[in-house]
Amino acid sequence: MNPSQRLLAEAMAGADYVQVDELVFETGYVREPDEAMVPEDVVMELKLGKEELAFTREELDDARYLGDGTYRLKSGALLRFLTGVTLH
């Protein structure tokens, strides 16, 4: 696991919320990506009201760390991992 992937796994594990572009979702299911997973395996499910998002390992692979808990995915989406004390 490269350093950026390690940081992503740590950020995911401690996140109560994930900001996807401009919307903040509550974390549901989160699994640390590992080599045993195939690209189609879901590693993170997020919820905002009745809206749900799921991210696969493939979508999170090669996420680029931008700093301050923010990552840019290959798709161009920005993810920022937040804890309960981050929001006020």
Protein backbone atom coordinates (compact mmCIF):
# COMPACT_ATOMS: atom_id res chain seq x y z
CA MET A 1 0.00 0.00 0.00
CA ASN A 2 1.53 3.32 -1.04
CA PRO A 3 1.60 6.29 1.39
CA SER A 4 -1.38 8.01 -0.25
CA GLN A 5 -3.48 4.84 0.00
CA ARG A 6 -2.45 4.42 3.65
CA LEU A 7 -3.55 8.01 4.39
CA LEU A 8 -6.84 7.38 2.58
CA ALA A 9 -7.49 4.20 4.59
CA GLU A 10 -6.78 6.04 7.85
CA ALA A 11 -9.03 8.96 6.89
CA MET A 12 -11.84 6.62 5.91
CA ALA A 13 -11.60 4.63 9.14
CA GLY A 14 -11.99 7.67 11.37
CA ALA A 15 -14.59 9.56 9.34
CA ASP A 16 -18.11 10.17 10.62
CA TYR A 17 -18.96 12.17 7.49
CA VAL A 18 -17.65 12.47 3.95
CA GLN A 19 -17.98 15.61 1.90
CA VAL A 20 -18.43 14.70 -1.77
CA ASP A 21 -17.89 17.86 -3.78
CA GLU A 22 -20.35 20.22 -2.01
CA LEU A 23 -22.58 17.72 -0.16
CA VAL A 24 -21.87 16.17 3.25
CA PHE A 25 -22.91 12.52 3.68
CA GLU A 26 -22.97 10.37 6.80
CA THR A 27 -20.76 7.31 6.63
CA GLY A 28 -22.42 3.93 6.72
CA TYR A 29 -20.38 0.95 5.67
CA VAL A 30 -16.61 1.51 5.46
CA ARG A 31 -14.00 -1.13 4.70
CA GLU A 32 -10.30 -0.47 4.35
CA PRO A 33 -9.22 -1.27 0.78
CA ASP A 34 -6.73 -4.13 0.59
CA GLU A 35 -5.11 -6.39 -1.98
CA ALA A 36 -7.67 -9.16 -1.40
CA MET A 37 -10.45 -6.97 -2.80
CA VAL A 38 -11.39 -6.88 -6.46
CA PRO A 39 -11.98 -3.52 -8.19
CA GLU A 40 -15.79 -3.92 -8.01
CA ASP A 41 -15.89 -4.47 -4.23
CA VAL A 42 -17.68 -1.73 -2.30
CA VAL A 43 -15.42 -0.08 0.26
CA MET A 44 -17.62 2.82 1.36
CA GLU A 45 -21.35 3.56 1.51
CA LEU A 46 -22.61 7.05 2.33
CA LYS A 47 -26.06 8.40 3.12
CA LEU A 48 -27.71 11.84 2.94
CA GLY A 49 -31.40 11.60 3.78
CA LYS A 50 -32.76 9.01 1.36
CA GLU A 51 -29.87 9.43 -1.07
CA GLU A 52 -27.14 6.81 -0.91
CA LEU A 53 -23.74 6.62 -2.60
CA ALA A 54 -21.37 3.70 -2.83
CA PHE A 55 -17.70 3.78 -3.81
CA THR A 56 -15.81 0.77 -5.09
CA ARG A 57 -12.15 0.00 -4.66
CA GLU A 58 -11.58 0.91 -8.30
CA GLU A 59 -13.08 4.37 -7.76
CA LEU A 60 -10.84 5.00 -4.76
CA ASP A 61 -7.66 3.48 -6.20
CA ASP A 62 -5.15 6.16 -7.14
CA ALA A 63 -7.05 8.85 -5.22
CA ARG A 64 -4.69 11.80 -4.97
CA TYR A 65 -4.20 13.42 -1.56
CA LEU A 66 -4.57 17.21 -1.76
CA GLY A 67 -4.12 17.97 1.95
CA ASP A 68 -6.51 18.79 4.81
CA GLY A 69 -8.24 15.39 4.52
CA THR A 70 -9.20 16.00 0.88
CA TYR A 71 -8.70 13.58 -2.01
CA ARG A 72 -9.35 13.89 -5.73
CA LEU A 73 -10.66 10.76 -7.40
CA LYS A 74 -9.90 9.72 -10.98
CA SER A 75 -13.45 10.84 -11.83
CA GLY A 76 -12.59 14.37 -10.69
CA ALA A 77 -14.82 14.23 -7.60
CA LEU A 78 -13.43 15.67 -4.38
CA LEU A 79 -13.78 13.69 -1.15
CA ARG A 80 -13.08 15.18 2.25
CA PHE A 81 -13.22 13.01 5.33
CA LEU A 82 -14.70 14.68 8.43
CA THR A 83 -15.26 13.77 12.06
CA GLY A 84 -18.18 14.83 14.22
CA VAL A 85 -16.11 17.53 15.87
CA THR A 86 -15.17 18.98 12.47
CA LEU A 87 -18.76 20.04 11.74
CA HIS A 88 -20.34 22.87 13.70
